Amino acid sequence: MLWGLLSIATAMAQPDYYITTEGTMMIEAVFLDSAITAKSKKVTVLIDYNSGEFQLFFDASTLNTGILALDTLLAKEKNHVIQYEGRFGLDHVQTESHPPLDFTVDGSINCSDHNGSVRGNGRLVHLSNVYSCYLNMTFDLKLDQLPFDIAVDGLDENIRIVIVQMLLYQNSGSTY
């Protein structure tokens, strides 16, 4: 399963923080030996440029796969907010020109009835346009590590979560 996050809709860079409230998340999984994709356009992302700390959160019911059985289960997760918070293995988030930076990501998935540590890998690649950097985080998990019960026959147990985020330049004060 791949979980990708690309936030372009509403983004703002303050002197020390990056914030977006309408990010798009895609989750790709194997269900009955076929690839599926779940999407949400309601992801909030907060990144502290100076410390490398971050928070991502969304309501699980905003995910949609186009498969009635899965969408019905996800719709029942209304007000089940899932939060992933942690820290990039960087001293700070570099938004000026730099070579690609590889690092570890340590954090935890939190919601009302589940808390669990998650470690992954990250990569920050500098861009030369409106967006400063392309941020990528990858996590290999088991289904039981997810913070909600999606026990569906035919859904593969091994998942990979990939979060992708475009960042604005620090201190830009721009809204996109």
N, C-alpha and C. Protein backbone atom coordinates (compact mmCIF):
# COMPACT_ATOMS: atom_id res chain seq x y z
N MET A 1 0.85 -1.15 0.00
CA MET A 1 0.00 0.00 0.00
C MET A 1 0.90 1.23 0.00
N LEU A 2 0.58 2.22 -0.77
CA LEU A 2 1.33 3.46 -0.80
C LEU A 2 0.42 4.58 -0.37
N TRP A 3 0.90 5.41 0.50
CA TRP A 3 0.13 6.54 0.98
C TRP A 3 0.89 7.76 0.52
N GLY A 4 0.36 8.51 -0.39
CA GLY A 4 1.05 9.66 -0.93
C GLY A 4 0.30 10.92 -0.60
N LEU A 5 1.01 11.94 -0.28
CA LEU A 5 0.40 13.20 0.10
C LEU A 5 1.01 14.29 -0.75
N LEU A 6 0.21 14.99 -1.51
CA LEU A 6 0.69 16.09 -2.33
C LEU A 6 -0.20 17.27 -2.05
N SER A 7 0.32 18.26 -1.33
CA SER A 7 -0.48 19.39 -0.93
C SER A 7 -0.15 20.60 -1.78
N ILE A 8 -1.10 20.99 -2.60
CA ILE A 8 -0.91 22.14 -3.47
C ILE A 8 -2.02 23.15 -3.24
N ALA A 9 -3.18 22.69 -2.81
CA ALA A 9 -4.38 23.52 -2.77
C ALA A 9 -4.22 24.78 -1.92
N THR A 10 -4.00 24.67 -0.65
CA THR A 10 -3.88 25.82 0.23
C THR A 10 -2.62 25.65 1.04
N ALA A 11 -1.59 26.41 0.71
CA ALA A 11 -0.32 26.27 1.41
C ALA A 11 0.21 27.65 1.77
N MET A 12 0.91 27.72 2.91
CA MET A 12 1.45 28.98 3.35
C MET A 12 2.76 28.71 4.07
N ALA A 13 3.75 29.56 3.83
CA ALA A 13 5.01 29.47 4.56
C ALA A 13 5.13 30.71 5.44
N GLN A 14 5.16 30.51 6.72
CA GLN A 14 5.43 31.56 7.68
C GLN A 14 6.94 31.58 7.92
N PRO A 15 7.47 32.53 8.68
CA PRO A 15 8.92 32.52 8.91
C PRO A 15 9.48 31.20 9.43
N ASP A 16 8.74 30.49 10.27
CA ASP A 16 9.27 29.27 10.86
C ASP A 16 8.47 28.01 10.53
N TYR A 17 7.32 28.16 9.90
CA TYR A 17 6.43 27.01 9.70
C TYR A 17 5.90 26.93 8.27
N TYR A 18 5.60 25.70 7.87
CA TYR A 18 4.88 25.45 6.62
C TYR A 18 3.54 24.85 7.02
N ILE A 19 2.45 25.34 6.42
CA ILE A 19 1.11 24.87 6.76
C ILE A 19 0.30 24.70 5.48
N THR A 20 -0.42 23.59 5.38
CA THR A 20 -1.43 23.42 4.34
C THR A 20 -2.62 22.71 4.96
N THR A 21 -3.82 23.06 4.50
CA THR A 21 -5.04 22.49 5.09
C THR A 21 -5.85 21.64 4.13
N GLU A 22 -5.51 21.63 2.86
CA GLU A 22 -6.29 20.86 1.90
C GLU A 22 -5.38 19.98 1.04
N GLY A 23 -4.52 19.24 1.70
CA GLY A 23 -3.63 18.34 0.98
C GLY A 23 -4.39 17.14 0.43
N THR A 24 -3.82 16.54 -0.58
CA THR A 24 -4.43 15.34 -1.18
C THR A 24 -3.62 14.12 -0.79
N MET A 25 -4.29 13.10 -0.29
CA MET A 25 -3.63 11.86 0.10
C MET A 25 -4.13 10.74 -0.81
N MET A 26 -3.19 9.91 -1.25
CA MET A 26 -3.55 8.72 -2.01
C MET A 26 -2.97 7.52 -1.31
N ILE A 27 -3.78 6.48 -1.09
CA ILE A 27 -3.32 5.24 -0.50
C ILE A 27 -3.52 4.14 -1.53
N GLU A 28 -2.43 3.50 -1.93
CA GLU A 28 -2.53 2.39 -2.87
C GLU A 28 -2.29 1.10 -2.10
N ALA A 29 -3.15 0.12 -2.35
CA ALA A 29 -3.07 -1.15 -1.64
C ALA A 29 -3.33 -2.30 -2.60
N VAL A 30 -3.07 -3.51 -2.14
CA VAL A 30 -3.42 -4.70 -2.90
C VAL A 30 -4.66 -5.30 -2.23
N PHE A 31 -5.72 -5.42 -3.00
CA PHE A 31 -7.00 -5.96 -2.52
C PHE A 31 -7.47 -7.00 -3.53
N LEU A 32 -7.59 -8.24 -3.07
CA LEU A 32 -7.99 -9.35 -3.95
C LEU A 32 -7.07 -9.42 -5.18
N ASP A 33 -5.77 -9.30 -4.93
CA ASP A 33 -4.73 -9.39 -5.96
C ASP A 33 -4.76 -8.27 -6.98
N SER A 34 -5.46 -7.19 -6.69
CA SER A 34 -5.51 -6.03 -7.60
C SER A 34 -5.09 -4.77 -6.85
N ALA A 35 -4.43 -3.88 -7.56
CA ALA A 35 -4.03 -2.59 -6.97
C ALA A 35 -5.26 -1.69 -6.86
N ILE A 36 -5.40 -1.04 -5.70
CA ILE A 36 -6.49 -0.07 -5.50
C ILE A 36 -5.89 1.23 -4.97
N THR A 37 -6.63 2.32 -5.09
CA THR A 37 -6.18 3.61 -4.60
C THR A 37 -7.30 4.27 -3.80
N ALA A 38 -6.98 4.71 -2.60
CA ALA A 38 -7.90 5.50 -1.78
C ALA A 38 -7.38 6.94 -1.81
N LYS A 39 -8.30 7.90 -1.91
CA LYS A 39 -7.91 9.31 -2.00
C LYS A 39 -8.66 10.15 -0.98
N SER A 40 -7.98 11.17 -0.48
CA SER A 40 -8.59 12.19 0.37
C SER A 40 -7.99 13.53 -0.01
N LYS A 41 -8.81 14.57 0.01
CA LYS A 41 -8.33 15.93 -0.27
C LYS A 41 -8.47 16.80 0.97
N LYS A 42 -8.44 16.17 2.14
CA LYS A 42 -8.64 16.88 3.41
C LYS A 42 -7.53 16.56 4.40
N VAL A 43 -6.28 16.77 4.03
CA VAL A 43 -5.14 16.48 4.91
C VAL A 43 -4.51 17.80 5.34
N THR A 44 -4.28 17.94 6.63
CA THR A 44 -3.59 19.12 7.16
C THR A 44 -2.15 18.74 7.46
N VAL A 45 -1.21 19.60 7.07
CA VAL A 45 0.22 19.36 7.27
C VAL A 45 0.82 20.60 7.93
N LEU A 46 1.56 20.38 9.02
CA LEU A 46 2.28 21.45 9.70
C LEU A 46 3.74 21.00 9.84
N ILE A 47 4.67 21.83 9.39
CA ILE A 47 6.10 21.51 9.49
C ILE A 47 6.81 22.71 10.11
N ASP A 48 7.61 22.45 11.14
CA ASP A 48 8.47 23.47 11.74
C ASP A 48 9.80 23.42 11.00
N TYR A 49 10.08 24.44 10.20
CA TYR A 49 11.31 24.47 9.42
C TYR A 49 12.57 24.41 10.29
N ASN A 50 12.52 25.04 11.47
CA ASN A 50 13.72 25.14 12.31
C ASN A 50 14.06 23.86 13.05
N SER A 51 13.06 23.10 13.49
CA SER A 51 13.33 21.90 14.28
C SER A 51 13.18 20.61 13.48
N GLY A 52 12.48 20.66 12.35
CA GLY A 52 12.21 19.45 11.58
C GLY A 52 11.07 18.64 12.16
N GLU A 53 10.33 19.20 13.11
CA GLU A 53 9.16 18.51 13.67
C GLU A 53 7.96 18.76 12.76
N PHE A 54 7.03 17.78 12.73
CA PHE A 54 5.89 17.92 11.84
C PHE A 54 4.67 17.22 12.42
N GLN A 55 3.49 17.55 11.87
CA GLN A 55 2.23 16.88 12.16
C GLN A 55 1.45 16.77 10.86
N LEU A 56 0.84 15.62 10.65
CA LEU A 56 -0.09 15.40 9.54
C LEU A 56 -1.36 14.86 10.15
N PHE A 57 -2.53 15.34 9.75
CA PHE A 57 -3.75 14.72 10.25
C PHE A 57 -4.89 14.84 9.26
N PHE A 58 -5.80 13.83 9.35
CA PHE A 58 -6.96 13.76 8.48
C PHE A 58 -8.02 12.89 9.12
N ASP A 59 -9.26 13.01 8.65
CA ASP A 59 -10.37 12.18 9.10
C ASP A 59 -10.40 10.96 8.19
N ALA A 60 -10.37 9.76 8.76
CA ALA A 60 -10.32 8.52 7.97
C ALA A 60 -11.51 8.39 7.03
N SER A 61 -12.64 8.99 7.36
CA SER A 61 -13.83 8.86 6.52
C SER A 61 -13.71 9.65 5.22
N THR A 62 -12.70 10.50 5.09
CA THR A 62 -12.53 11.28 3.86
C THR A 62 -11.84 10.47 2.76
N LEU A 63 -11.37 9.27 3.09
CA LEU A 63 -10.75 8.40 2.09
C LEU A 63 -11.83 7.74 1.24
N ASN A 64 -11.59 7.65 -0.06
CA ASN A 64 -12.53 7.03 -0.99
C ASN A 64 -11.75 6.18 -1.98
N THR A 65 -12.17 4.92 -2.16
CA THR A 65 -11.49 3.99 -3.06
C THR A 65 -12.24 3.74 -4.36
N GLY A 66 -13.55 4.01 -4.38
CA GLY A 66 -14.36 3.66 -5.53
C GLY A 66 -14.85 2.21 -5.45
N ILE A 67 -14.50 1.50 -4.37
CA ILE A 67 -14.96 0.13 -4.15
C ILE A 67 -15.96 0.17 -2.99
N LEU A 68 -17.21 -0.16 -3.27
CA LEU A 68 -18.30 0.01 -2.31
C LEU A 68 -18.01 -0.61 -0.95
N ALA A 69 -17.52 -1.85 -0.90
CA ALA A 69 -17.27 -2.52 0.38
C ALA A 69 -16.25 -1.75 1.23
N LEU A 70 -15.17 -1.29 0.62
CA LEU A 70 -14.15 -0.54 1.37
C LEU A 70 -14.64 0.87 1.72
N ASP A 71 -15.30 1.53 0.79
CA ASP A 71 -15.79 2.88 1.06
C ASP A 71 -16.83 2.90 2.17
N THR A 72 -17.66 1.85 2.25
CA THR A 72 -18.65 1.74 3.32
C THR A 72 -17.96 1.64 4.68
N LEU A 73 -16.90 0.82 4.76
CA LEU A 73 -16.14 0.72 6.01
C LEU A 73 -15.47 2.04 6.37
N LEU A 74 -14.86 2.69 5.39
CA LEU A 74 -14.19 3.97 5.64
C LEU A 74 -15.18 5.05 6.05
N ALA A 75 -16.36 5.08 5.46
CA ALA A 75 -17.37 6.08 5.80
C ALA A 75 -17.80 5.96 7.27
N LYS A 76 -17.73 4.77 7.83
CA LYS A 76 -18.08 4.55 9.23
C LYS A 76 -17.03 5.13 10.18
N GLU A 77 -15.89 5.55 9.66
CA GLU A 77 -14.82 6.11 10.47
C GLU A 77 -14.96 7.62 10.66
N LYS A 78 -16.16 8.18 10.42
CA LYS A 78 -16.41 9.62 10.56
C LYS A 78 -15.94 10.12 11.93
N ASN A 79 -15.25 11.24 11.94
CA ASN A 79 -14.68 11.87 13.14
C ASN A 79 -13.57 11.03 13.77
N HIS A 80 -13.03 10.09 13.03
CA HIS A 80 -11.89 9.29 13.49
C HIS A 80 -10.64 9.96 12.90
N VAL A 81 -10.13 10.95 13.62
CA VAL A 81 -9.00 11.73 13.13
C VAL A 81 -7.70 10.97 13.41
N ILE A 82 -6.93 10.80 12.37
CA ILE A 82 -5.64 10.12 12.47
C ILE A 82 -4.54 11.17 12.36
N GLN A 83 -3.60 11.09 13.28
CA GLN A 83 -2.50 12.06 13.32
C GLN A 83 -1.18 11.31 13.30
N TYR A 84 -0.28 11.79 12.48
CA TYR A 84 1.09 11.28 12.49
C TYR A 84 1.97 12.47 12.83
N GLU A 85 2.70 12.36 13.92
CA GLU A 85 3.59 13.44 14.31
C GLU A 85 4.97 12.88 14.59
N GLY A 86 5.96 13.69 14.32
CA GLY A 86 7.31 13.21 14.54
C GLY A 86 8.35 14.25 14.18
N ARG A 87 9.52 13.73 13.83
CA ARG A 87 10.66 14.60 13.55
C ARG A 87 11.47 13.99 12.42
N PHE A 88 11.86 14.86 11.49
CA PHE A 88 12.78 14.45 10.44
C PHE A 88 14.17 14.33 11.05
N GLY A 89 15.00 13.46 10.56
CA GLY A 89 16.37 13.33 11.04
C GLY A 89 17.27 14.41 10.45
N LEU A 90 16.82 15.66 10.54
CA LEU A 90 17.56 16.83 10.04
C LEU A 90 17.61 17.87 11.14
N ASP A 91 18.65 18.69 11.17
CA ASP A 91 18.72 19.78 12.14
C ASP A 91 17.64 20.82 11.88
N HIS A 92 17.36 21.05 10.59
CA HIS A 92 16.30 21.95 10.17
C HIS A 92 15.92 21.60 8.73
N VAL A 93 14.80 22.13 8.27
CA VAL A 93 14.35 21.86 6.91
C VAL A 93 14.95 22.92 6.01
N GLN A 94 15.90 22.52 5.19
CA GLN A 94 16.62 23.42 4.29
C GLN A 94 15.74 23.74 3.08
N THR A 95 15.39 25.02 2.87
CA THR A 95 14.58 25.38 1.72
C THR A 95 15.38 26.11 0.64
N GLU A 96 16.61 26.46 0.94
CA GLU A 96 17.49 27.06 -0.08
C GLU A 96 18.18 25.93 -0.83
N SER A 97 18.87 26.24 -1.89
CA SER A 97 19.52 25.24 -2.74
C SER A 97 20.41 24.28 -1.94
N HIS A 98 20.27 22.97 -2.22
CA HIS A 98 21.05 21.94 -1.54
C HIS A 98 20.99 20.66 -2.36
N PRO A 99 21.97 19.77 -2.19
CA PRO A 99 21.88 18.46 -2.85
C PRO A 99 20.78 17.64 -2.16
N PRO A 100 20.31 16.56 -2.76
CA PRO A 100 19.31 15.72 -2.10
C PRO A 100 19.79 15.27 -0.72
N LEU A 101 18.90 15.35 0.26
CA LEU A 101 19.22 14.98 1.64
C LEU A 101 18.41 13.75 2.03
N ASP A 102 19.07 12.68 2.44
CA ASP A 102 18.41 11.47 2.93
C ASP A 102 18.49 11.45 4.45
N PHE A 103 17.41 11.00 5.12
CA PHE A 103 17.36 11.03 6.58
C PHE A 103 16.34 10.02 7.08
N THR A 104 16.37 9.74 8.38
CA THR A 104 15.35 8.90 8.99
C THR A 104 14.20 9.79 9.48
N VAL A 105 13.05 9.19 9.63
CA VAL A 105 11.86 9.87 10.14
C VAL A 105 11.37 9.04 11.32
N ASP A 106 11.26 9.66 12.47
CA ASP A 106 10.74 8.99 13.66
C ASP A 106 9.49 9.71 14.11
N GLY A 107 8.45 8.93 14.42
CA GLY A 107 7.23 9.54 14.88
C GLY A 107 6.25 8.53 15.39
N SER A 108 5.02 8.99 15.59
CA SER A 108 3.99 8.10 16.07
C SER A 108 2.67 8.41 15.40
N ILE A 109 1.90 7.35 15.18
CA ILE A 109 0.54 7.48 14.68
C ILE A 109 -0.35 7.50 15.91
N ASN A 110 -1.19 8.52 16.00
CA ASN A 110 -2.05 8.68 17.16
C ASN A 110 -3.49 8.92 16.74
N CYS A 111 -4.40 8.31 17.45
CA CYS A 111 -5.82 8.62 17.34
C CYS A 111 -6.47 8.17 18.64
N SER A 112 -7.77 8.29 18.74
CA SER A 112 -8.44 8.06 20.02
C SER A 112 -8.15 6.70 20.66
N ASP A 113 -7.99 5.65 19.87
CA ASP A 113 -7.82 4.33 20.46
C ASP A 113 -6.55 3.61 20.03
N HIS A 114 -5.61 4.33 19.47
CA HIS A 114 -4.40 3.68 18.96
C HIS A 114 -3.23 4.66 19.01
N ASN A 115 -2.11 4.17 19.49
CA ASN A 115 -0.86 4.93 19.46
C ASN A 115 0.25 3.96 19.12
N GLY A 116 1.12 4.34 18.22
CA GLY A 116 2.21 3.45 17.85
C GLY A 116 3.35 4.18 17.20
N SER A 117 4.56 3.77 17.54
CA SER A 117 5.76 4.37 16.95
C SER A 117 5.96 3.86 15.54
N VAL A 118 6.41 4.74 14.68
CA VAL A 118 6.67 4.41 13.29
C VAL A 118 7.98 5.06 12.88
N ARG A 119 8.87 4.27 12.28
CA ARG A 119 10.14 4.78 11.78
C ARG A 119 10.19 4.54 10.28
N GLY A 120 10.69 5.53 9.56
CA GLY A 120 10.78 5.41 8.11
C GLY A 120 11.98 6.16 7.58
N ASN A 121 12.01 6.31 6.29
CA ASN A 121 13.08 7.04 5.61
C ASN A 121 12.51 8.24 4.90
N GLY A 122 13.30 9.29 4.81
CA GLY A 122 12.87 10.50 4.13
C GLY A 122 13.92 11.00 3.17
N ARG A 123 13.47 11.82 2.25
CA ARG A 123 14.37 12.44 1.28
C ARG A 123 13.82 13.82 0.97
N LEU A 124 14.70 14.83 0.97
CA LEU A 124 14.36 16.20 0.66
C LEU A 124 15.16 16.61 -0.57
N VAL A 125 14.45 16.95 -1.65
CA VAL A 125 15.10 17.32 -2.91
C VAL A 125 14.75 18.77 -3.23
N HIS A 126 15.76 19.60 -3.46
CA HIS A 126 15.53 21.01 -3.77
C HIS A 126 15.01 21.17 -5.19
N LEU A 127 14.06 22.09 -5.36
CA LEU A 127 13.49 22.43 -6.66
C LEU A 127 13.83 23.88 -6.97
N SER A 128 13.69 24.28 -8.19
CA SER A 128 13.99 25.67 -8.57
C SER A 128 12.77 26.32 -9.19
N ASN A 129 11.68 26.38 -8.42
CA ASN A 129 10.48 27.05 -8.89
C ASN A 129 9.72 27.61 -7.70
N VAL A 130 8.39 27.77 -7.81
CA VAL A 130 7.58 28.31 -6.72
C VAL A 130 7.76 27.49 -5.45
N TYR A 131 7.83 26.16 -5.61
CA TYR A 131 8.04 25.30 -4.46
C TYR A 131 9.53 25.15 -4.23
N SER A 132 9.92 25.14 -2.98
CA SER A 132 11.32 25.02 -2.60
C SER A 132 11.83 23.59 -2.73
N CYS A 133 11.06 22.64 -2.18
CA CYS A 133 11.53 21.27 -2.07
C CYS A 133 10.41 20.26 -2.27
N TYR A 134 10.84 19.08 -2.62
CA TYR A 134 9.99 17.90 -2.71
C TYR A 134 10.39 17.03 -1.53
N LEU A 135 9.44 16.75 -0.63
CA LEU A 135 9.68 15.94 0.55
C LEU A 135 9.01 14.59 0.35
N ASN A 136 9.75 13.51 0.62
CA ASN A 136 9.23 12.16 0.47
C ASN A 136 9.54 11.40 1.75
N MET A 137 8.54 10.70 2.30
CA MET A 137 8.73 9.83 3.46
C MET A 137 8.13 8.47 3.15
N THR A 138 8.84 7.38 3.51
CA THR A 138 8.39 6.02 3.22
C THR A 138 8.42 5.19 4.49
N PHE A 139 7.34 4.42 4.71
CA PHE A 139 7.21 3.56 5.88
C PHE A 139 6.70 2.20 5.45
N ASP A 140 7.32 1.12 5.93
CA ASP A 140 6.84 -0.24 5.70
C ASP A 140 6.17 -0.70 6.99
N LEU A 141 4.88 -1.04 6.90
CA LEU A 141 4.08 -1.40 8.07
C LEU A 141 3.28 -2.67 7.81
N LYS A 142 2.68 -3.17 8.87
CA LYS A 142 1.70 -4.26 8.81
C LYS A 142 0.32 -3.62 9.02
N LEU A 143 -0.71 -4.24 8.51
CA LEU A 143 -2.06 -3.71 8.65
C LEU A 143 -2.44 -3.42 10.10
N ASP A 144 -2.00 -4.28 11.04
CA ASP A 144 -2.38 -4.06 12.44
C ASP A 144 -1.70 -2.84 13.07
N GLN A 145 -0.77 -2.21 12.36
CA GLN A 145 -0.15 -0.99 12.85
C GLN A 145 -0.94 0.26 12.47
N LEU A 146 -1.94 0.10 11.59
CA LEU A 146 -2.77 1.24 11.21
C LEU A 146 -3.68 1.61 12.38
N PRO A 147 -4.01 2.88 12.52
CA PRO A 147 -4.80 3.33 13.67
C PRO A 147 -6.30 3.18 13.52
N PHE A 148 -6.75 2.34 12.61
CA PHE A 148 -8.17 2.02 12.51
C PHE A 148 -8.29 0.62 11.95
N ASP A 149 -9.43 -0.02 12.27
CA ASP A 149 -9.63 -1.42 11.88
C ASP A 149 -10.24 -1.47 10.48
N ILE A 150 -9.48 -1.96 9.55
CA ILE A 150 -9.94 -2.11 8.17
C ILE A 150 -9.84 -3.59 7.80
N ALA A 151 -10.32 -4.43 8.71
CA ALA A 151 -10.26 -5.89 8.51
C ALA A 151 -11.20 -6.29 7.39
N VAL A 152 -10.63 -6.48 6.21
CA VAL A 152 -11.39 -6.86 5.03
C VAL A 152 -10.71 -8.06 4.41
N ASP A 153 -11.48 -9.12 4.17
CA ASP A 153 -10.90 -10.29 3.51
C ASP A 153 -10.34 -9.88 2.15
N GLY A 154 -9.11 -10.31 1.88
CA GLY A 154 -8.49 -10.03 0.59
C GLY A 154 -7.57 -8.83 0.59
N LEU A 155 -7.49 -8.08 1.72
CA LEU A 155 -6.60 -6.93 1.79
C LEU A 155 -5.23 -7.40 2.29
N ASP A 156 -4.17 -7.12 1.54
CA ASP A 156 -2.83 -7.59 1.87
C ASP A 156 -2.37 -7.03 3.21
N GLU A 157 -1.67 -7.84 4.01
CA GLU A 157 -1.21 -7.46 5.34
C GLU A 157 -0.02 -6.50 5.31
N ASN A 158 0.88 -6.66 4.36
CA ASN A 158 2.06 -5.80 4.25
C ASN A 158 1.72 -4.55 3.47
N ILE A 159 2.05 -3.41 4.06
CA ILE A 159 1.74 -2.14 3.41
C ILE A 159 2.97 -1.25 3.37
N ARG A 160 2.99 -0.38 2.43
CA ARG A 160 4.03 0.65 2.34
C ARG A 160 3.31 1.99 2.27
N ILE A 161 3.71 2.88 3.14
CA ILE A 161 3.13 4.22 3.15
C ILE A 161 4.19 5.17 2.62
N VAL A 162 3.80 5.96 1.63
CA VAL A 162 4.68 6.97 1.06
C VAL A 162 3.97 8.30 1.14
N ILE A 163 4.58 9.26 1.79
CA ILE A 163 4.01 10.60 1.91
C ILE A 163 4.87 11.53 1.08
N VAL A 164 4.23 12.28 0.20
CA VAL A 164 4.94 13.22 -0.67
C VAL A 164 4.36 14.61 -0.42
N GLN A 165 5.22 15.58 -0.21
CA GLN A 165 4.78 16.93 0.10
C GLN A 165 5.67 17.94 -0.60
N MET A 166 5.07 18.90 -1.28
CA MET A 166 5.81 20.01 -1.86
C MET A 166 5.88 21.10 -0.78
N LEU A 167 7.07 21.69 -0.58
CA LEU A 167 7.25 22.72 0.44
C LEU A 167 7.52 24.07 -0.22
N LEU A 168 7.05 25.13 0.43
CA LEU A 168 7.34 26.49 -0.01
C LEU A 168 8.64 26.95 0.65
N TYR A 169 9.25 27.99 0.08
CA TYR A 169 10.44 28.57 0.68
C TYR A 169 10.14 29.11 2.06
N GLN A 170 11.05 28.93 3.00
CA GLN A 170 10.90 29.49 4.32
C GLN A 170 10.96 31.00 4.20
N ASN A 171 10.17 31.69 5.00
CA ASN A 171 10.12 33.16 5.03
C ASN A 171 9.46 33.76 3.81
N SER A 172 8.82 32.95 2.95
CA SER A 172 8.23 33.53 1.75
C SER A 172 6.96 34.30 2.08
N GLY A 173 6.20 33.82 3.10
CA GLY A 173 4.95 34.49 3.43
C GLY A 173 3.92 34.40 2.33
N SER A 174 4.14 33.54 1.34
CA SER A 174 3.24 33.42 0.21
C SER A 174 2.13 32.41 0.50
N THR A 175 0.99 32.65 -0.09
CA THR A 175 -0.12 31.71 -0.01
C THR A 175 -0.43 31.22 -1.42
N TYR A 176 -0.57 29.90 -1.58
CA TYR A 176 -0.89 29.30 -2.88
C TYR A 176 -2.10 28.44 -2.75
